Amino acid sequence: EKLSDRSWKEIGRWMEPVLVETELNVLLVAVMLHALGKIPKLHAQLAPKANGHREVLLHVMSTCPKVLPSFMRLSSPLRHTVQECLTREFEFKQFLHAENLPA
């Protein structure tokens, strides 16, 4: 189901005090990379020896990050944070849906 323009604007107003452009950008890059790591062709071409999407992401972000322009556009500390978040044993999707429980 698609959100209406009015709904998007309402969500934007609701998020405005919480997120600045940089934080939102980092979140969107992380979501995109998380999905990208699961693409079989990326795995086969850039990280054929990797086991699972986390290892694919770690390998690509470490050895050929230039193929990820959105990732490379981030500052070095933010790239490090994104890499740490996406390559740890952590269910990022559940976190985004607020389903992860504290350890």
N, C-alpha and C. Protein backbone atom coordinates (compact mmCIF):
# COMPACT_ATOMS: atom_id res chain seq x y z
N GLU A 1 0.84 -1.17 0.00
CA GLU A 1 0.00 0.00 0.00
C GLU A 1 0.89 1.24 0.00
N LYS A 2 0.56 2.19 -0.82
CA LYS A 2 1.37 3.39 -0.99
C LYS A 2 0.87 4.51 -0.06
N LEU A 3 1.83 5.22 0.55
CA LEU A 3 1.47 6.36 1.39
C LEU A 3 1.10 7.55 0.52
N SER A 4 0.15 8.31 0.96
CA SER A 4 -0.25 9.51 0.23
C SER A 4 0.78 10.62 0.46
N ASP A 5 0.75 11.64 -0.40
CA ASP A 5 1.65 12.79 -0.22
C ASP A 5 1.43 13.42 1.14
N ARG A 6 0.20 13.51 1.55
CA ARG A 6 -0.13 14.11 2.86
C ARG A 6 0.51 13.30 4.00
N SER A 7 0.45 11.97 3.88
CA SER A 7 1.05 11.11 4.91
C SER A 7 2.56 11.29 4.96
N TRP A 8 3.21 11.37 3.78
CA TRP A 8 4.66 11.58 3.75
C TRP A 8 5.03 12.90 4.41
N LYS A 9 4.26 13.94 4.13
CA LYS A 9 4.54 15.26 4.74
C LYS A 9 4.36 15.20 6.25
N GLU A 10 3.35 14.48 6.69
CA GLU A 10 3.12 14.35 8.13
C GLU A 10 4.26 13.60 8.80
N ILE A 11 4.72 12.53 8.16
CA ILE A 11 5.86 11.78 8.70
C ILE A 11 7.09 12.67 8.75
N GLY A 12 7.31 13.45 7.69
CA GLY A 12 8.44 14.38 7.65
C GLY A 12 8.39 15.39 8.78
N ARG A 13 7.23 15.94 9.03
CA ARG A 13 7.09 16.91 10.14
C ARG A 13 7.32 16.24 11.49
N TRP A 14 6.86 15.01 11.62
CA TRP A 14 7.02 14.27 12.86
C TRP A 14 8.50 13.96 13.12
N MET A 15 9.24 13.66 12.04
CA MET A 15 10.65 13.29 12.18
C MET A 15 11.58 14.50 12.29
N GLU A 16 11.15 15.65 11.82
CA GLU A 16 12.01 16.83 11.74
C GLU A 16 12.78 17.14 13.02
N PRO A 17 12.14 17.17 14.17
CA PRO A 17 12.91 17.52 15.37
C PRO A 17 13.90 16.42 15.80
N VAL A 18 13.69 15.21 15.33
CA VAL A 18 14.51 14.09 15.77
C VAL A 18 15.72 13.87 14.87
N LEU A 19 15.53 14.00 13.58
CA LEU A 19 16.59 13.67 12.63
C LEU A 19 17.02 14.89 11.83
N VAL A 20 18.31 15.04 11.70
CA VAL A 20 18.83 16.06 10.79
C VAL A 20 19.17 15.34 9.49
N GLU A 21 19.45 16.07 8.45
CA GLU A 21 19.70 15.48 7.14
C GLU A 21 20.80 14.43 7.17
N THR A 22 21.87 14.69 7.90
CA THR A 22 22.99 13.76 7.94
C THR A 22 22.57 12.43 8.56
N GLU A 23 21.85 12.47 9.66
CA GLU A 23 21.43 11.24 10.31
C GLU A 23 20.46 10.45 9.43
N LEU A 24 19.56 11.15 8.79
CA LEU A 24 18.61 10.48 7.91
C LEU A 24 19.35 9.87 6.72
N ASN A 25 20.31 10.59 6.17
CA ASN A 25 21.11 10.08 5.06
C ASN A 25 21.85 8.81 5.47
N VAL A 26 22.46 8.81 6.63
CA VAL A 26 23.20 7.64 7.11
C VAL A 26 22.24 6.45 7.26
N LEU A 27 21.07 6.69 7.79
CA LEU A 27 20.09 5.63 7.95
C LEU A 27 19.67 5.06 6.60
N LEU A 28 19.41 5.93 5.64
CA LEU A 28 19.00 5.47 4.31
C LEU A 28 20.13 4.69 3.62
N VAL A 29 21.37 5.15 3.77
CA VAL A 29 22.51 4.42 3.19
C VAL A 29 22.61 3.05 3.83
N ALA A 30 22.46 2.97 5.14
CA ALA A 30 22.55 1.69 5.84
C ALA A 30 21.45 0.74 5.37
N VAL A 31 20.24 1.23 5.21
CA VAL A 31 19.13 0.39 4.75
C VAL A 31 19.42 -0.13 3.34
N MET A 32 19.91 0.76 2.48
CA MET A 32 20.23 0.38 1.10
C MET A 32 21.34 -0.67 1.08
N LEU A 33 22.39 -0.47 1.86
CA LEU A 33 23.50 -1.41 1.88
C LEU A 33 23.06 -2.77 2.41
N HIS A 34 22.22 -2.75 3.43
CA HIS A 34 21.72 -4.00 4.00
C HIS A 34 21.02 -4.83 2.93
N ALA A 35 20.20 -4.18 2.11
CA ALA A 35 19.51 -4.88 1.02
C ALA A 35 20.49 -5.30 -0.07
N LEU A 36 21.42 -4.42 -0.39
CA LEU A 36 22.40 -4.69 -1.44
C LEU A 36 23.25 -5.92 -1.14
N GLY A 37 23.60 -6.11 0.12
CA GLY A 37 24.42 -7.25 0.52
C GLY A 37 23.76 -8.59 0.26
N LYS A 38 22.45 -8.59 0.03
CA LYS A 38 21.72 -9.83 -0.20
C LYS A 38 21.53 -10.14 -1.68
N ILE A 39 22.05 -9.30 -2.57
CA ILE A 39 21.91 -9.53 -4.00
C ILE A 39 22.92 -10.59 -4.45
N PRO A 40 22.43 -11.72 -4.97
CA PRO A 40 23.33 -12.81 -5.35
C PRO A 40 24.43 -12.41 -6.34
N LYS A 41 24.12 -11.56 -7.29
CA LYS A 41 25.11 -11.17 -8.30
C LYS A 41 26.26 -10.38 -7.65
N LEU A 42 25.95 -9.51 -6.69
CA LEU A 42 27.00 -8.78 -5.96
C LEU A 42 27.90 -9.77 -5.23
N HIS A 43 27.27 -10.72 -4.57
CA HIS A 43 28.01 -11.75 -3.85
C HIS A 43 28.93 -12.51 -4.80
N ALA A 44 28.39 -12.95 -5.92
CA ALA A 44 29.17 -13.75 -6.87
C ALA A 44 30.32 -12.96 -7.50
N GLN A 45 30.10 -11.70 -7.81
CA GLN A 45 31.11 -10.92 -8.51
C GLN A 45 32.16 -10.29 -7.60
N LEU A 46 31.75 -9.81 -6.43
CA LEU A 46 32.68 -9.05 -5.59
C LEU A 46 33.13 -9.75 -4.32
N ALA A 47 32.39 -10.77 -3.89
CA ALA A 47 32.77 -11.46 -2.65
C ALA A 47 32.40 -12.94 -2.75
N PRO A 48 32.94 -13.65 -3.75
CA PRO A 48 32.51 -15.04 -3.97
C PRO A 48 32.83 -16.00 -2.82
N LYS A 49 33.80 -15.68 -2.00
CA LYS A 49 34.17 -16.57 -0.90
C LYS A 49 33.44 -16.23 0.40
N ALA A 50 32.64 -15.17 0.37
CA ALA A 50 31.93 -14.74 1.58
C ALA A 50 30.77 -15.68 1.89
N ASN A 51 30.51 -15.84 3.17
CA ASN A 51 29.38 -16.65 3.63
C ASN A 51 28.34 -15.74 4.26
N GLY A 52 27.28 -15.49 3.55
CA GLY A 52 26.20 -14.65 4.06
C GLY A 52 26.38 -13.18 3.72
N HIS A 53 25.27 -12.46 3.84
CA HIS A 53 25.28 -11.06 3.41
C HIS A 53 26.17 -10.17 4.27
N ARG A 54 26.35 -10.49 5.53
CA ARG A 54 27.23 -9.67 6.38
C ARG A 54 28.68 -9.75 5.89
N GLU A 55 29.12 -10.95 5.57
CA GLU A 55 30.48 -11.11 5.06
C GLU A 55 30.64 -10.46 3.69
N VAL A 56 29.59 -10.52 2.87
CA VAL A 56 29.63 -9.85 1.57
C VAL A 56 29.84 -8.35 1.80
N LEU A 57 29.02 -7.76 2.66
CA LEU A 57 29.15 -6.33 2.94
C LEU A 57 30.51 -5.98 3.51
N LEU A 58 30.99 -6.74 4.46
CA LEU A 58 32.29 -6.47 5.06
C LEU A 58 33.38 -6.50 3.99
N HIS A 59 33.35 -7.51 3.14
CA HIS A 59 34.37 -7.63 2.10
C HIS A 59 34.30 -6.46 1.12
N VAL A 60 33.11 -6.15 0.64
CA VAL A 60 32.97 -5.07 -0.35
C VAL A 60 33.32 -3.72 0.27
N MET A 61 32.84 -3.44 1.48
CA MET A 61 33.13 -2.15 2.12
C MET A 61 34.62 -2.02 2.44
N SER A 62 35.28 -3.14 2.69
CA SER A 62 36.70 -3.10 3.04
C SER A 62 37.63 -3.08 1.84
N THR A 63 37.27 -3.81 0.78
CA THR A 63 38.19 -3.99 -0.33
C THR A 63 37.87 -3.16 -1.58
N CYS A 64 36.61 -2.87 -1.80
CA CYS A 64 36.25 -2.11 -3.01
C CYS A 64 35.08 -1.15 -2.72
N PRO A 65 35.24 -0.30 -1.74
CA PRO A 65 34.13 0.59 -1.35
C PRO A 65 33.72 1.58 -2.43
N LYS A 66 34.57 1.80 -3.43
CA LYS A 66 34.22 2.76 -4.49
C LYS A 66 33.03 2.30 -5.31
N VAL A 67 32.68 1.02 -5.25
CA VAL A 67 31.49 0.55 -5.97
C VAL A 67 30.21 0.93 -5.22
N LEU A 68 30.39 1.52 -4.04
CA LEU A 68 29.26 1.96 -3.20
C LEU A 68 29.34 3.48 -3.02
N PRO A 69 28.96 4.26 -4.03
CA PRO A 69 29.14 5.72 -3.95
C PRO A 69 28.41 6.37 -2.79
N SER A 70 27.25 5.88 -2.43
CA SER A 70 26.53 6.47 -1.29
C SER A 70 27.30 6.24 0.00
N PHE A 71 27.90 5.07 0.12
CA PHE A 71 28.71 4.74 1.29
C PHE A 71 29.97 5.62 1.31
N MET A 72 30.61 5.75 0.17
CA MET A 72 31.84 6.54 0.09
C MET A 72 31.60 8.03 0.33
N ARG A 73 30.41 8.48 0.09
CA ARG A 73 30.08 9.89 0.29
C ARG A 73 30.04 10.25 1.79
N LEU A 74 29.85 9.26 2.65
CA LEU A 74 29.82 9.49 4.09
C LEU A 74 31.22 9.82 4.60
N SER A 75 31.28 10.54 5.71
CA SER A 75 32.58 10.80 6.33
C SER A 75 33.15 9.48 6.85
N SER A 76 34.44 9.46 7.08
CA SER A 76 35.11 8.24 7.54
C SER A 76 34.50 7.70 8.84
N PRO A 77 34.24 8.55 9.85
CA PRO A 77 33.63 8.00 11.08
C PRO A 77 32.23 7.41 10.83
N LEU A 78 31.46 8.04 9.94
CA LEU A 78 30.13 7.50 9.65
C LEU A 78 30.21 6.20 8.84
N ARG A 79 31.18 6.11 7.93
CA ARG A 79 31.38 4.85 7.20
C ARG A 79 31.72 3.73 8.18
N HIS A 80 32.58 4.04 9.14
CA HIS A 80 32.96 3.04 10.14
C HIS A 80 31.73 2.60 10.94
N THR A 81 30.91 3.54 11.35
CA THR A 81 29.71 3.22 12.12
C THR A 81 28.76 2.34 11.31
N VAL A 82 28.52 2.71 10.07
CA VAL A 82 27.64 1.92 9.21
C VAL A 82 28.20 0.51 9.03
N GLN A 83 29.49 0.41 8.77
CA GLN A 83 30.12 -0.90 8.60
C GLN A 83 29.98 -1.74 9.86
N GLU A 84 30.22 -1.16 10.99
CA GLU A 84 30.10 -1.91 12.26
C GLU A 84 28.66 -2.38 12.47
N CYS A 85 27.71 -1.52 12.20
CA CYS A 85 26.30 -1.88 12.40
C CYS A 85 25.85 -3.00 11.47
N LEU A 86 26.30 -2.96 10.24
CA LEU A 86 25.80 -3.90 9.24
C LEU A 86 26.55 -5.23 9.21
N THR A 87 27.70 -5.31 9.84
CA THR A 87 28.47 -6.55 9.76
C THR A 87 28.50 -7.31 11.08
N ARG A 88 27.84 -6.83 12.08
CA ARG A 88 27.74 -7.53 13.36
C ARG A 88 26.55 -8.49 13.34
N GLU A 89 26.56 -9.45 14.26
CA GLU A 89 25.42 -10.35 14.41
C GLU A 89 24.30 -9.58 15.08
N PHE A 90 23.53 -8.91 14.26
CA PHE A 90 22.46 -8.04 14.75
C PHE A 90 21.41 -8.00 13.66
N GLU A 91 20.17 -8.18 14.03
CA GLU A 91 19.10 -8.17 13.04
C GLU A 91 18.65 -6.73 12.79
N PHE A 92 19.33 -6.09 11.82
CA PHE A 92 19.08 -4.69 11.49
C PHE A 92 17.62 -4.46 11.10
N LYS A 93 17.05 -5.38 10.34
CA LYS A 93 15.66 -5.22 9.91
C LYS A 93 14.73 -5.20 11.12
N GLN A 94 14.96 -6.07 12.08
CA GLN A 94 14.13 -6.07 13.29
C GLN A 94 14.32 -4.78 14.07
N PHE A 95 15.53 -4.28 14.10
CA PHE A 95 15.81 -3.02 14.78
C PHE A 95 15.00 -1.89 14.15
N LEU A 96 15.00 -1.83 12.81
CA LEU A 96 14.26 -0.78 12.13
C LEU A 96 12.76 -0.90 12.39
N HIS A 97 12.31 -2.10 12.63
CA HIS A 97 10.90 -2.30 12.93
C HIS A 97 10.62 -2.27 14.44
N ALA A 98 11.66 -1.91 15.21
CA ALA A 98 11.56 -1.83 16.68
C ALA A 98 11.17 -3.17 17.30
N GLU A 99 11.71 -4.26 16.74
CA GLU A 99 11.40 -5.58 17.25
C GLU A 99 12.54 -6.22 18.03
N ASN A 100 13.73 -5.64 18.02
CA ASN A 100 14.86 -6.21 18.74
C ASN A 100 14.75 -5.89 20.23
N LEU A 101 15.06 -6.86 21.03
CA LEU A 101 15.07 -6.66 22.46
C LEU A 101 16.51 -6.39 22.91
N PRO A 102 16.69 -5.63 23.99
CA PRO A 102 18.06 -5.40 24.48
C PRO A 102 18.71 -6.71 24.89
N ALA A 103 20.03 -6.77 24.76
CA ALA A 103 20.77 -8.00 25.10
C ALA A 103 20.78 -8.23 26.59
